[in-house]
Structure formats: C-alpha cells, structure tokens
PDB file of N, CA and C in Angstrom:
ATOM      1  N   MET A   1     -51.458 -62.639   7.760  1.00  0.00           N
ATOM      2  CA  MET A   1     -51.603 -64.032   7.435  1.00  0.00           C
ATOM      3  C   MET A   1     -50.832 -64.861   8.455  1.00  0.00           C
ATOM      4  N   ALA A   2     -51.547 -65.718   9.179  1.00  0.00           N
ATOM      5  CA  ALA A   2     -50.923 -66.550  10.209  1.00  0.00           C
ATOM      6  C   ALA A   2     -50.067 -67.632   9.574  1.00  0.00           C
ATOM      7  N   LYS A   3     -48.940 -67.881  10.179  1.00  0.00           N
ATOM      8  CA  LYS A   3     -48.020 -68.897   9.670  1.00  0.00           C
ATOM      9  C   LYS A   3     -48.266 -70.228  10.366  1.00  0.00           C
ATOM     10  N   GLY A   4     -48.044 -71.281   9.609  1.00  0.00           N
ATOM     11  CA  GLY A   4     -48.168 -72.620  10.139  1.00  0.00           C
ATOM     12  C   GLY A   4     -47.013 -73.466   9.661  1.00  0.00           C
ATOM     13  N   SER A   5     -46.775 -74.562  10.340  1.00  0.00           N
ATOM     14  CA  SER A   5     -45.697 -75.468   9.953  1.00  0.00           C
ATOM     15  C   SER A   5     -46.174 -76.902  10.067  1.00  0.00           C
ATOM     16  N   LEU A   6     -45.506 -77.728   9.325  1.00  0.00           N
ATOM     17  CA  LEU A   6     -45.811 -79.144   9.291  1.00  0.00           C
ATOM     18  C   LEU A   6     -44.481 -79.892   9.274  1.00  0.00           C
ATOM     19  N   ILE A   7     -44.379 -80.923  10.085  1.00  0.00           N
ATOM     20  CA  ILE A   7     -43.186 -81.766  10.084  1.00  0.00           C
ATOM     21  C   ILE A   7     -43.573 -83.127   9.512  1.00  0.00           C
ATOM     22  N   VAL A   8     -42.797 -83.568   8.541  1.00  0.00           N
ATOM     23  CA  VAL A   8     -42.916 -84.928   8.031  1.00  0.00           C
ATOM     24  C   VAL A   8     -41.636 -85.636   8.449  1.00  0.00           C
ATOM     25  N   GLY A   9     -41.764 -86.574   9.381  1.00  0.00           N
ATOM     26  CA  GLY A   9     -40.601 -87.266   9.916  1.00  0.00           C
ATOM     27  C   GLY A   9     -40.570 -88.713   9.482  1.00  0.00           C
ATOM     28  N   TRP A  10     -39.371 -89.288   9.493  1.00  0.00           N
ATOM     29  CA  TRP A  10     -39.213 -90.683   9.127  1.00  0.00           C
ATOM     30  C   TRP A  10     -38.135 -91.336   9.980  1.00  0.00           C
ATOM     31  N   GLY A  11     -38.246 -92.658  10.072  1.00  0.00           N
ATOM     32  CA  GLY A  11     -37.267 -93.448  10.800  1.00  0.00           C
ATOM     33  C   GLY A  11     -36.366 -94.206   9.848  1.00  0.00           C
ATOM     34  N   GLU A  12     -35.892 -95.356  10.316  1.00  0.00           N
ATOM     35  CA  GLU A  12     -34.923 -96.131   9.544  1.00  0.00           C
ATOM     36  C   GLU A  12     -35.522 -96.611   8.215  1.00  0.00           C
ATOM     37  N   ILE A  13     -34.632 -96.819   7.248  1.00  0.00           N
ATOM     38  CA  ILE A  13     -35.032 -97.377   5.963  1.00  0.00           C
ATOM     39  C   ILE A  13     -35.329 -98.856   6.158  1.00  0.00           C
ATOM     40  N   ILE A  14     -36.380 -99.329   5.542  1.00  0.00           N
ATOM     41  CA  ILE A  14     -36.721-100.746   5.586  1.00  0.00           C
ATOM     42  C   ILE A  14     -35.672-101.501   4.768  1.00  0.00           C
ATOM     43  N   ALA A  15     -35.099-102.543   5.348  1.00  0.00           N
ATOM     44  CA  ALA A  15     -34.036-103.313   4.693  1.00  0.00           C
ATOM     45  C   ALA A  15     -34.450-103.750   3.296  1.00  0.00           C
ATOM     46  N   GLY A  16     -33.539-103.552   2.348  1.00  0.00           N
ATOM     47  CA  GLY A  16     -33.782-103.926   0.965  1.00  0.00           C
ATOM     48  C   GLY A  16     -34.419-102.830   0.133  1.00  0.00           C
ATOM     49  N   ARG A  17     -34.770-101.717   0.764  1.00  0.00           N
ATOM     50  CA  ARG A  17     -35.441-100.629   0.039  1.00  0.00           C
ATOM     51  C   ARG A  17     -34.583 -99.370  -0.021  1.00  0.00           C
ATOM     52  N   GLU A  18     -33.278 -99.517   0.146  1.00  0.00           N
ATOM     53  CA  GLU A  18     -32.369 -98.369   0.194  1.00  0.00           C
ATOM     54  C   GLU A  18     -32.412 -97.531  -1.088  1.00  0.00           C
ATOM     55  N   LYS A  19     -32.344 -98.187  -2.247  1.00  0.00           N
ATOM     56  CA  LYS A  19     -32.377 -97.436  -3.510  1.00  0.00           C
ATOM     57  C   LYS A  19     -33.723 -96.771  -3.708  1.00  0.00           C
ATOM     58  N   SER A  20     -34.772 -97.467  -3.356  1.00  0.00           N
ATOM     59  CA  SER A  20     -36.108 -96.876  -3.461  1.00  0.00           C
ATOM     60  C   SER A  20     -36.254 -95.694  -2.507  1.00  0.00           C
ATOM     61  N   ALA A  21     -35.602 -95.769  -1.356  1.00  0.00           N
ATOM     62  CA  ALA A  21     -35.690 -94.679  -0.374  1.00  0.00           C
ATOM     63  C   ALA A  21     -35.096 -93.397  -0.948  1.00  0.00           C
ATOM     64  N   LYS A  22     -33.960 -93.489  -1.622  1.00  0.00           N
ATOM     65  CA  LYS A  22     -33.350 -92.302  -2.227  1.00  0.00           C
ATOM     66  C   LYS A  22     -34.268 -91.714  -3.292  1.00  0.00           C
ATOM     67  N   ALA A  23     -34.814 -92.547  -4.159  1.00  0.00           N
ATOM     68  CA  ALA A  23     -35.722 -92.066  -5.201  1.00  0.00           C
ATOM     69  C   ALA A  23     -36.970 -91.433  -4.590  1.00  0.00           C
ATOM     70  N   THR A  24     -37.461 -92.024  -3.503  1.00  0.00           N
ATOM     71  CA  THR A  24     -38.645 -91.487  -2.824  1.00  0.00           C
ATOM     72  C   THR A  24     -38.348 -90.125  -2.216  1.00  0.00           C
ATOM     73  N   LEU A  25     -37.177 -89.968  -1.602  1.00  0.00           N
ATOM     74  CA  LEU A  25     -36.790 -88.670  -1.043  1.00  0.00           C
ATOM     75  C   LEU A  25     -36.636 -87.638  -2.158  1.00  0.00           C
ATOM     76  N   ASP A  26     -36.030 -88.025  -3.262  1.00  0.00           N
ATOM     77  CA  ASP A  26     -35.897 -87.109  -4.404  1.00  0.00           C
ATOM     78  C   ASP A  26     -37.268 -86.651  -4.898  1.00  0.00           C
ATOM     79  N   ASN A  27     -38.204 -87.583  -5.000  1.00  0.00           N
ATOM     80  CA  ASN A  27     -39.563 -87.254  -5.437  1.00  0.00           C
ATOM     81  C   ASN A  27     -40.233 -86.290  -4.464  1.00  0.00           C
ATOM     82  N   ALA A  28     -40.075 -86.542  -3.177  1.00  0.00           N
ATOM     83  CA  ALA A  28     -40.673 -85.668  -2.156  1.00  0.00           C
ATOM     84  C   ALA A  28     -40.067 -84.266  -2.217  1.00  0.00           C
ATOM     85  N   MET A  29     -38.765 -84.176  -2.450  1.00  0.00           N
ATOM     86  CA  MET A  29     -38.103 -82.860  -2.542  1.00  0.00           C
ATOM     87  C   MET A  29     -38.594 -82.093  -3.769  1.00  0.00           C
ATOM     88  N   GLN A  30     -38.765 -82.796  -4.877  1.00  0.00           N
ATOM     89  CA  GLN A  30     -39.290 -82.136  -6.083  1.00  0.00           C
ATOM     90  C   GLN A  30     -40.707 -81.608  -5.834  1.00  0.00           C
ATOM     91  N   TYR A  31     -41.490 -82.373  -5.110  1.00  0.00           N
ATOM     92  CA  TYR A  31     -42.839 -81.940  -4.741  1.00  0.00           C
ATOM     93  C   TYR A  31     -42.783 -80.663  -3.900  1.00  0.00           C
ATOM     94  N   CYS A  32     -41.906 -80.636  -2.891  1.00  0.00           N
ATOM     95  CA  CYS A  32     -41.778 -79.450  -2.035  1.00  0.00           C
ATOM     96  C   CYS A  32     -41.256 -78.248  -2.828  1.00  0.00           C
ATOM     97  N   ILE A  33     -40.308 -78.475  -3.719  1.00  0.00           N
ATOM     98  CA  ILE A  33     -39.792 -77.384  -4.562  1.00  0.00           C
ATOM     99  C   ILE A  33     -40.928 -76.794  -5.398  1.00  0.00           C
ATOM    100  N   ARG A  34     -41.755 -77.666  -5.956  1.00  0.00           N
ATOM    101  CA  ARG A  34     -42.885 -77.185  -6.761  1.00  0.00           C
ATOM    102  C   ARG A  34     -43.881 -76.403  -5.907  1.00  0.00           C
ATOM    103  N   LEU A  35     -44.180 -76.897  -4.711  1.00  0.00           N
ATOM    104  CA  LEU A  35     -45.093 -76.167  -3.816  1.00  0.00           C
ATOM    105  C   LEU A  35     -44.562 -74.765  -3.524  1.00  0.00           C
ATOM    106  N   GLN A  36     -43.261 -74.669  -3.283  1.00  0.00           N
ATOM    107  CA  GLN A  36     -42.655 -73.369  -2.999  1.00  0.00           C
ATOM    108  C   GLN A  36     -42.688 -72.474  -4.239  1.00  0.00           C
ATOM    109  N   ARG A  37     -42.336 -73.021  -5.376  1.00  0.00           N
ATOM    110  CA  ARG A  37     -42.334 -72.252  -6.623  1.00  0.00           C
ATOM    111  C   ARG A  37     -43.735 -71.715  -6.939  1.00  0.00           C
ATOM    112  N   GLU A  38     -44.758 -72.521  -6.664  1.00  0.00           N
ATOM    113  CA  GLU A  38     -46.147 -72.118  -6.911  1.00  0.00           C
ATOM    114  C   GLU A  38     -46.675 -71.157  -5.847  1.00  0.00           C
ATOM    115  N   GLY A  39     -45.897 -70.902  -4.806  1.00  0.00           N
ATOM    116  CA  GLY A  39     -46.320 -70.003  -3.741  1.00  0.00           C
ATOM    117  C   GLY A  39     -47.279 -70.630  -2.748  1.00  0.00           C
ATOM    118  N   ARG A  40     -47.400 -71.954  -2.771  1.00  0.00           N
ATOM    119  CA  ARG A  40     -48.321 -72.621  -1.855  1.00  0.00           C
ATOM    120  C   ARG A  40     -47.717 -72.798  -0.473  1.00  0.00           C
ATOM    121  N   ILE A  41     -46.380 -72.788  -0.385  1.00  0.00           N
ATOM    122  CA  ILE A  41     -45.677 -72.778   0.898  1.00  0.00           C
ATOM    123  C   ILE A  41     -44.600 -71.707   0.819  1.00  0.00           C
ATOM    124  N   ASP A  42     -44.158 -71.230   1.977  1.00  0.00           N
ATOM    125  CA  ASP A  42     -43.084 -70.234   1.998  1.00  0.00           C
ATOM    126  C   ASP A  42     -41.725 -70.888   1.821  1.00  0.00           C
ATOM    127  N   ARG A  43     -41.536 -71.976   2.539  1.00  0.00           N
ATOM    128  CA  ARG A  43     -40.226 -72.634   2.498  1.00  0.00           C
ATOM    129  C   ARG A  43     -40.338 -74.040   3.072  1.00  0.00           C
ATOM    130  N   PHE A  44     -39.265 -74.791   2.869  1.00  0.00           N
ATOM    131  CA  PHE A  44     -39.139 -76.102   3.500  1.00  0.00           C
ATOM    132  C   PHE A  44     -37.669 -76.339   3.770  1.00  0.00           C
ATOM    133  N   GLU A  45     -37.411 -77.149   4.764  1.00  0.00           N
ATOM    134  CA  GLU A  45     -36.039 -77.497   5.109  1.00  0.00           C
ATOM    135  C   GLU A  45     -35.979 -78.983   5.428  1.00  0.00           C
ATOM    136  N   VAL A  46     -35.010 -79.654   4.835  1.00  0.00           N
ATOM    137  CA  VAL A  46     -34.791 -81.076   5.081  1.00  0.00           C
ATOM    138  C   VAL A  46     -33.710 -81.203   6.147  1.00  0.00           C
ATOM    139  N   VAL A  47     -33.982 -82.016   7.156  1.00  0.00           N
ATOM    140  CA  VAL A  47     -33.029 -82.237   8.243  1.00  0.00           C
ATOM    141  C   VAL A  47     -32.820 -83.743   8.378  1.00  0.00           C
ATOM    142  N   VAL A  48     -31.564 -84.173   8.270  1.00  0.00           N
ATOM    143  CA  VAL A  48     -31.208 -85.569   8.504  1.00  0.00           C
ATOM    144  C   VAL A  48     -30.394 -85.596   9.793  1.00  0.00           C
ATOM    145  N   LEU A  49     -30.827 -86.413  10.731  1.00  0.00           N
ATOM    146  CA  LEU A  49     -30.213 -86.449  12.051  1.00  0.00           C
ATOM    147  C   LEU A  49     -29.047 -87.429  12.100  1.00  0.00           C
ATOM    148  N   GLU A  50     -28.048 -87.092  12.907  1.00  0.00           N
ATOM    149  CA  GLU A  50     -26.944 -88.020  13.130  1.00  0.00           C
ATOM    150  C   GLU A  50     -27.462 -89.189  13.966  1.00  0.00           C
ATOM    151  N   PRO A  51     -26.778 -90.322  13.947  1.00  0.00           N
ATOM    152  CA  PRO A  51     -27.213 -91.454  14.769  1.00  0.00           C
ATOM    153  C   PRO A  51     -27.346 -91.038  16.240  1.00  0.00           C
ATOM    154  N   HIS A  52     -28.495 -91.374  16.847  1.00  0.00           N
ATOM    155  CA  HIS A  52     -28.729 -90.938  18.224  1.00  0.00           C
ATOM    156  C   HIS A  52     -29.624 -91.894  19.017  1.00  0.00           C
ATOM    157  N   GLY A  53     -29.976 -93.040  18.451  1.00  0.00           N
ATOM    158  CA  GLY A  53     -30.716 -94.039  19.214  1.00  0.00           C
ATOM    159  C   GLY A  53     -32.208 -93.819  19.287  1.00  0.00           C
ATOM    160  N   SER A  54     -32.760 -92.954  18.457  1.00  0.00           N
ATOM    161  CA  SER A  54     -34.200 -92.705  18.445  1.00  0.00           C
ATOM    162  C   SER A  54     -34.799 -93.284  17.169  1.00  0.00           C
ATOM    163  N   ASP A  55     -36.118 -93.296  17.091  1.00  0.00           N
ATOM    164  CA  ASP A  55     -36.765 -93.783  15.874  1.00  0.00           C
ATOM    165  C   ASP A  55     -36.975 -92.673  14.845  1.00  0.00           C
ATOM    166  N   LEU A  56     -36.458 -91.481  15.100  1.00  0.00           N
ATOM    167  CA  LEU A  56     -36.554 -90.370  14.153  1.00  0.00           C
ATOM    168  C   LEU A  56     -35.186 -90.159  13.510  1.00  0.00           C
ATOM    169  N   ASN A  57     -35.098 -90.435  12.207  1.00  0.00           N
ATOM    170  CA  ASN A  57     -33.832 -90.276  11.492  1.00  0.00           C
ATOM    171  C   ASN A  57     -33.748 -88.958  10.739  1.00  0.00           C
ATOM    172  N   GLY A  58     -34.888 -88.347  10.449  1.00  0.00           N
ATOM    173  CA  GLY A  58     -34.877 -87.074   9.752  1.00  0.00           C
ATOM    174  C   GLY A  58     -36.290 -86.541   9.595  1.00  0.00           C
ATOM    175  N   PHE A  59     -36.368 -85.315   9.088  1.00  0.00           N
ATOM    176  CA  PHE A  59     -37.677 -84.712   8.863  1.00  0.00           C
ATOM    177  C   PHE A  59     -37.572 -83.576   7.864  1.00  0.00           C
ATOM    178  N   VAL A  60     -38.725 -83.227   7.316  1.00  0.00           N
ATOM    179  CA  VAL A  60     -38.866 -82.035   6.486  1.00  0.00           C
ATOM    180  C   VAL A  60     -39.770 -81.089   7.248  1.00  0.00           C
ATOM    181  N   LEU A  61     -39.339 -79.844   7.408  1.00  0.00           N
ATOM    182  CA  LEU A  61     -40.154 -78.811   8.041  1.00  0.00           C
ATOM    183  C   LEU A  61     -40.700 -77.931   6.933  1.00  0.00           C
ATOM    184  N   ILE A  62     -42.014 -77.923   6.788  1.00  0.00           N
ATOM    185  CA  ILE A  62     -42.702 -77.131   5.769  1.00  0.00           C
ATOM    186  C   ILE A  62     -43.380 -75.965   6.466  1.00  0.00           C
ATOM    187  N   THR A  63     -43.188 -74.743   5.955  1.00  0.00           N
ATOM    188  CA  THR A  63     -43.765 -73.553   6.576  1.00  0.00           C
ATOM    189  C   THR A  63     -44.465 -72.702   5.529  1.00  0.00           C
ATOM    190  N   GLY A  64     -45.598 -72.139   5.919  1.00  0.00           N
ATOM    191  CA  GLY A  64     -46.355 -71.261   5.025  1.00  0.00           C
ATOM    192  C   GLY A  64     -47.594 -70.751   5.718  1.00  0.00           C
ATOM    193  N   ASP A  65     -48.530 -70.286   4.927  1.00  0.00           N
ATOM    194  CA  ASP A  65     -49.817 -69.844   5.458  1.00  0.00           C
ATOM    195  C   ASP A  65     -50.454 -71.012   6.223  1.00  0.00           C
ATOM    196  N   LYS A  66     -50.950 -70.726   7.408  1.00  0.00           N
ATOM    197  CA  LYS A  66     -51.479 -71.766   8.300  1.00  0.00           C
ATOM    198  C   LYS A  66     -52.542 -72.633   7.619  1.00  0.00           C
ATOM    199  N   GLU A  67     -53.479 -71.995   6.942  1.00  0.00           N
ATOM    200  CA  GLU A  67     -54.555 -72.735   6.287  1.00  0.00           C
ATOM    201  C   GLU A  67     -54.037 -73.538   5.097  1.00  0.00           C
ATOM    202  N   ALA A  68     -53.111 -72.956   4.319  1.00  0.00           N
ATOM    203  CA  ALA A  68     -52.557 -73.653   3.156  1.00  0.00           C
ATOM    204  C   ALA A  68     -51.761 -74.881   3.577  1.00  0.00           C
ATOM    205  N   VAL A  69     -50.979 -74.745   4.643  1.00  0.00           N
ATOM    206  CA  VAL A  69     -50.186 -75.868   5.141  1.00  0.00           C
ATOM    207  C   VAL A  69     -51.116 -76.959   5.678  1.00  0.00           C
ATOM    208  N   ALA A  70     -52.155 -76.572   6.393  1.00  0.00           N
ATOM    209  CA  ALA A  70     -53.113 -77.556   6.917  1.00  0.00           C
ATOM    210  C   ALA A  70     -53.830 -78.273   5.777  1.00  0.00           C
ATOM    211  N   GLN A  71     -54.130 -77.563   4.717  1.00  0.00           N
ATOM    212  CA  GLN A  71     -54.829 -78.142   3.559  1.00  0.00           C
ATOM    213  C   GLN A  71     -54.008 -79.229   2.878  1.00  0.00           C
ATOM    214  N   LEU A  72     -52.699 -79.092   2.899  1.00  0.00           N
ATOM    215  CA  LEU A  72     -51.834 -80.090   2.263  1.00  0.00           C
ATOM    216  C   LEU A  72     -52.140 -81.494   2.755  1.00  0.00           C
ATOM    217  N   ARG A  73     -52.418 -81.629   4.026  1.00  0.00           N
ATOM    218  CA  ARG A  73     -52.591 -82.947   4.649  1.00  0.00           C
ATOM    219  C   ARG A  73     -53.723 -83.762   4.043  1.00  0.00           C
ATOM    220  N   VAL A  74     -54.685 -83.103   3.412  1.00  0.00           N
ATOM    221  CA  VAL A  74     -55.832 -83.822   2.847  1.00  0.00           C
ATOM    222  C   VAL A  74     -55.803 -83.880   1.320  1.00  0.00           C
ATOM    223  N   GLU A  75     -54.764 -83.333   0.708  1.00  0.00           N
ATOM    224  CA  GLU A  75     -54.669 -83.370  -0.750  1.00  0.00           C
ATOM    225  C   GLU A  75     -54.100 -84.700  -1.216  1.00  0.00           C
ATOM    226  N   ASP A  76     -54.671 -85.232  -2.271  1.00  0.00           N
ATOM    227  CA  ASP A  76     -54.268 -86.545  -2.774  1.00  0.00           C
ATOM    228  C   ASP A  76     -52.774 -86.620  -3.075  1.00  0.00           C
ATOM    229  N   GLU A  77     -52.185 -85.607  -3.682  1.00  0.00           N
ATOM    230  CA  GLU A  77     -50.773 -85.681  -4.036  1.00  0.00           C
ATOM    231  C   GLU A  77     -49.893 -85.756  -2.788  1.00  0.00           C
ATOM    232  N   PHE A  78     -50.215 -84.970  -1.764  1.00  0.00           N
ATOM    233  CA  PHE A  78     -49.453 -85.029  -0.511  1.00  0.00           C
ATOM    234  C   PHE A  78     -49.566 -86.415   0.112  1.00  0.00           C
ATOM    235  N   VAL A  79     -50.787 -86.934   0.193  1.00  0.00           N
ATOM    236  CA  VAL A  79     -51.004 -88.257   0.780  1.00  0.00           C
ATOM    237  C   VAL A  79     -50.237 -89.314  -0.017  1.00  0.00           C
ATOM    238  N   SER A  80     -50.229 -89.192  -1.342  1.00  0.00           N
ATOM    239  CA  SER A  80     -49.491 -90.131  -2.177  1.00  0.00           C
ATOM    240  C   SER A  80     -47.989 -90.085  -1.882  1.00  0.00           C
ATOM    241  N   VAL A  81     -47.436 -88.878  -1.708  1.00  0.00           N
ATOM    242  CA  VAL A  81     -46.021 -88.750  -1.349  1.00  0.00           C
ATOM    243  C   VAL A  81     -45.761 -89.420  -0.005  1.00  0.00           C
ATOM    244  N   ILE A  82     -46.638 -89.213   0.959  1.00  0.00           N
ATOM    245  CA  ILE A  82     -46.464 -89.811   2.293  1.00  0.00           C
ATOM    246  C   ILE A  82     -46.563 -91.338   2.218  1.00  0.00           C
ATOM    247  N   VAL A  83     -47.484 -91.857   1.429  1.00  0.00           N
ATOM    248  CA  VAL A  83     -47.589 -93.310   1.264  1.00  0.00           C
ATOM    249  C   VAL A  83     -46.293 -93.862   0.689  1.00  0.00           C
ATOM    250  N   GLY A  84     -45.706 -93.153  -0.280  1.00  0.00           N
ATOM    251  CA  GLY A  84     -44.419 -93.570  -0.833  1.00  0.00           C
ATOM    252  C   GLY A  84     -43.339 -93.626   0.228  1.00  0.00           C
ATOM    253  N   VAL A  85     -43.317 -92.635   1.104  1.00  0.00           N
ATOM    254  CA  VAL A  85     -42.332 -92.610   2.190  1.00  0.00           C
ATOM    255  C   VAL A  85     -42.572 -93.778   3.144  1.00  0.00           C
ATOM    256  N   GLN A  86     -43.832 -94.069   3.431  1.00  0.00           N
ATOM    257  CA  GLN A  86     -44.151 -95.176   4.337  1.00  0.00           C
ATOM    258  C   GLN A  86     -43.718 -96.531   3.783  1.00  0.00           C
ATOM    259  N   LEU A  87     -43.649 -96.646   2.476  1.00  0.00           N
ATOM    260  CA  LEU A  87     -43.254 -97.917   1.866  1.00  0.00           C
ATOM    261  C   LEU A  87     -41.754 -98.186   1.962  1.00  0.00           C
ATOM    262  N   VAL A  88     -40.975 -97.152   2.283  1.00  0.00           N
ATOM    263  CA  VAL A  88     -39.521 -97.337   2.361  1.00  0.00           C
ATOM    264  C   VAL A  88     -38.925 -97.002   3.727  1.00  0.00           C
ATOM    265  N   HIS A  89     -39.703 -96.374   4.591  1.00  0.00           N
ATOM    266  CA  HIS A  89     -39.213 -95.996   5.931  1.00  0.00           C
ATOM    267  C   HIS A  89     -40.171 -96.475   7.006  1.00  0.00           C
ATOM    268  N   ARG A  90     -39.634 -96.743   8.160  1.00  0.00           N
ATOM    269  CA  ARG A  90     -40.444 -97.040   9.348  1.00  0.00           C
ATOM    270  C   ARG A  90     -40.742 -95.724  10.080  1.00  0.00           C
ATOM    271  N   ASN A  91     -41.742 -95.752  10.910  1.00  0.00           N
ATOM    272  CA  ASN A  91     -42.053 -94.639  11.823  1.00  0.00           C
ATOM    273  C   ASN A  91     -42.254 -93.295  11.118  1.00  0.00           C
ATOM    274  N   VAL A  92     -43.040 -93.311  10.062  1.00  0.00           N
ATOM    275  CA  VAL A  92     -43.352 -92.065   9.350  1.00  0.00           C
ATOM    276  C   VAL A  92     -44.444 -91.336  10.119  1.00  0.00           C
ATOM    277  N   ARG A  93     -44.259 -90.020  10.249  1.00  0.00           N
ATOM    278  CA  ARG A  93     -45.257 -89.221  10.952  1.00  0.00           C
ATOM    279  C   ARG A  93     -45.409 -87.868  10.268  1.00  0.00           C
ATOM    280  N   VAL A  94     -46.626 -87.332  10.334  1.00  0.00           N
ATOM    281  CA  VAL A  94     -46.933 -85.990   9.846  1.00  0.00           C
ATOM    282  C   VAL A  94     -47.556 -85.247  11.024  1.00  0.00           C
ATOM    283  N   VAL A  95     -46.890 -84.162  11.452  1.00  0.00           N
ATOM    284  CA  VAL A  95     -47.303 -83.471  12.670  1.00  0.00           C
ATOM    285  C   VAL A  95     -47.337 -81.968  12.429  1.00  0.00           C
ATOM    286  N   GLY A  96     -48.429 -81.333  12.823  1.00  0.00           N
ATOM    287  CA  GLY A  96     -48.476 -79.877  12.798  1.00  0.00           C
ATOM    288  C   GLY A  96     -47.509 -79.316  13.820  1.00  0.00           C
ATOM    289  N   ALA A  97     -46.961 -78.136  13.540  1.00  0.00           N
ATOM    290  CA  ALA A  97     -45.955 -77.555  14.432  1.00  0.00           C
ATOM    291  C   ALA A  97     -46.125 -76.042  14.520  1.00  0.00           C
ATOM    292  N   TYR A  98     -45.662 -75.496  15.616  1.00  0.00           N
ATOM    293  CA  TYR A  98     -45.616 -74.048  15.821  1.00  0.00           C
ATOM    294  C   TYR A  98     -44.167 -73.619  15.736  1.00  0.00           C
ATOM    295  N   THR A  99     -43.890 -72.636  14.901  1.00  0.00           N
ATOM    296  CA  THR A  99     -42.535 -72.113  14.751  1.00  0.00           C
ATOM    297  C   THR A  99     -42.584 -70.595  14.666  1.00  0.00           C
ATOM    298  N   GLY A 100     -41.467 -69.976  14.940  1.00  0.00           N
ATOM    299  CA  GLY A 100     -41.314 -68.535  14.714  1.00  0.00           C
ATOM    300  C   GLY A 100     -42.436 -67.689  15.299  1.00  0.00           C
ATOM    301  N   ALA A 101     -43.046 -66.885  14.438  1.00  0.00           N
ATOM    302  CA  ALA A 101     -44.076 -65.929  14.867  1.00  0.00           C
ATOM    303  C   ALA A 101     -45.344 -66.602  15.386  1.00  0.00           C
ATOM    304  N   ALA A 102     -45.524 -67.903  15.111  1.00  0.00           N
ATOM    305  CA  ALA A 102     -46.712 -68.610  15.602  1.00  0.00           C
ATOM    306  C   ALA A 102     -46.581 -69.030  17.065  1.00  0.00           C
ATOM    307  N   LEU A 103     -45.373 -69.011  17.604  1.00  0.00           N
ATOM    308  CA  LEU A 103     -45.167 -69.448  18.988  1.00  0.00           C
ATOM    309  C   LEU A 103     -45.925 -68.624  20.020  1.00  0.00           C
ATOM    310  N   PRO A 104     -45.966 -67.278  19.907  1.00  0.00           N
ATOM    311  CA  PRO A 104     -46.700 -66.513  20.922  1.00  0.00           C
ATOM    312  C   PRO A 104     -48.170 -66.923  21.058  1.00  0.00           C
ATOM    313  N   SER A 105     -48.833 -67.280  19.944  1.00  0.00           N
ATOM    314  CA  SER A 105     -50.234 -67.698  20.049  1.00  0.00           C
ATOM    315  C   SER A 105     -50.344 -69.022  20.802  1.00  0.00           C
ATOM    316  N   LEU A 106     -49.403 -69.927  20.595  1.00  0.00           N
ATOM    317  CA  LEU A 106     -49.407 -71.185  21.335  1.00  0.00           C
ATOM    318  C   LEU A 106     -49.172 -70.925  22.820  1.00  0.00           C
ATOM    319  N   PHE A 107     -48.206 -70.067  23.129  1.00  0.00           N
ATOM    320  CA  PHE A 107     -47.920 -69.765  24.528  1.00  0.00           C
ATOM    321  C   PHE A 107     -49.097 -69.057  25.202  1.00  0.00           C
ATOM    322  N   ALA A 108     -49.826 -68.238  24.452  1.00  0.00           N
ATOM    323  CA  ALA A 108     -51.026 -67.590  24.997  1.00  0.00           C
ATOM    324  C   ALA A 108     -52.083 -68.635  25.339  1.00  0.00           C
ATOM    325  N   MET A 109     -52.255 -69.629  24.453  1.00  0.00           N
ATOM    326  CA  MET A 109     -53.204 -70.712  24.743  1.00  0.00           C
ATOM    327  C   MET A 109     -52.755 -71.491  25.971  1.00  0.00           C
ATOM    328  N   TRP A 110     -51.470 -71.707  26.084  1.00  0.00           N
ATOM    329  CA  TRP A 110     -50.907 -72.420  27.238  1.00  0.00           C
ATOM    330  C   TRP A 110     -51.250 -71.672  28.516  1.00  0.00           C
ATOM    331  N   ASP A 111     -50.987 -70.357  28.514  1.00  0.00           N
ATOM    332  CA  ASP A 111     -51.285 -69.532  29.691  1.00  0.00           C
ATOM    333  C   ASP A 111     -52.768 -69.584  30.038  1.00  0.00           C
ATOM    334  N   GLU A 112     -53.609 -69.488  29.020  1.00  0.00           N
ATOM    335  CA  GLU A 112     -55.061 -69.521  29.238  1.00  0.00           C
ATOM    336  C   GLU A 112     -55.483 -70.845  29.867  1.00  0.00           C
ATOM    337  N   GLN A 113     -54.982 -71.940  29.353  1.00  0.00           N
ATOM    338  CA  GLN A 113     -55.334 -73.254  29.905  1.00  0.00           C
ATOM    339  C   GLN A 113     -54.786 -73.442  31.316  1.00  0.00           C
ATOM    340  N   GLU A 114     -53.608 -72.915  31.551  1.00  0.00           N
ATOM    341  CA  GLU A 114     -53.017 -73.007  32.887  1.00  0.00           C
ATOM    342  C   GLU A 114     -53.859 -72.240  33.901  1.00  0.00           C
ATOM    343  N   GLU A 115     -54.348 -71.068  33.509  1.00  0.00           N
ATOM    344  CA  GLU A 115     -55.221 -70.275  34.394  1.00  0.00           C
ATOM    345  C   GLU A 115     -56.488 -71.041  34.746  1.00  0.00           C
ATOM    346  N   ARG A 116     -57.015 -71.773  33.811  1.00  0.00           N
ATOM    347  CA  ARG A 116     -58.226 -72.553  34.058  1.00  0.00           C
ATOM    348  C   ARG A 116     -57.999 -73.666  35.064  1.00  0.00           C
ATOM    349  N   MET A 117     -56.754 -74.097  35.175  1.00  0.00           N
ATOM    350  CA  MET A 117     -56.437 -75.194  36.086  1.00  0.00           C
ATOM    351  C   MET A 117     -56.287 -74.735  37.528  1.00  0.00           C
ATOM    352  N   LEU A 118     -56.114 -73.449  37.726  1.00  0.00           N
ATOM    353  CA  LEU A 118     -55.913 -72.940  39.088  1.00  0.00           C
ATOM    354  C   LEU A 118     -57.186 -72.831  39.857  1.00  0.00           C
TER     355      LEU A 118
END
C-alpha cells in the first residue's frame, strides 16, 4: 500500500478572531484524531513554527494510504474543516506531499523527467 501525505498550512490569525482560531484548531484536531482512530489515516502531526518572517505559521502533516489521503480533499467534512480554518487564518493551503517511503518514487520521476530533457 503506497503512502501519501497531505499538508494543511496556515498563516497569521485574522485580527479579532483569536478565540475562534483556538476553537477551530481544536475542532480540526478532533477531526484528525477521529480519522486516525477509524483507520482512515495512519497518523498526523501538528507543527507550529517559531516567528520567522514567512506567511506560514504552522501546519498539520497527515499521512496514510495514498488514495485515502487524496480522497480526503474532496470529502465534505474535510472541506468544511478547511473553510473553518480559512475564516480565522490567512494564507491557508492544502498541499499533497511526499514523505518517507514515498520519496524514492518521486526521485525516480525526477530522474525520468531529467533524462527527457537531455
């Protein structure tokens, strides 16, 4: 079973929505805990970045079966969680990612494309 990852990133909190931002993060974490408990994802990790001058303040890395993780992006509940995050944070993004054992397949594609360029 091929592994896949998804990053949900966010930027600064929109002024005046600080309390809502905490509740929204709590709701998103409960959603991820449930996904893991149900076996729909393998794991997730929340990362909050120290101040560094970028528009990315933190992210959640979700990992699991490649197809299951990709399917999340089109499910109503996932989209609803993301809309909630967008209402309290700037620069929200959802990006597919390669991690761990999935990296060799990405590097193989890279090599293949590079060969085509020669």
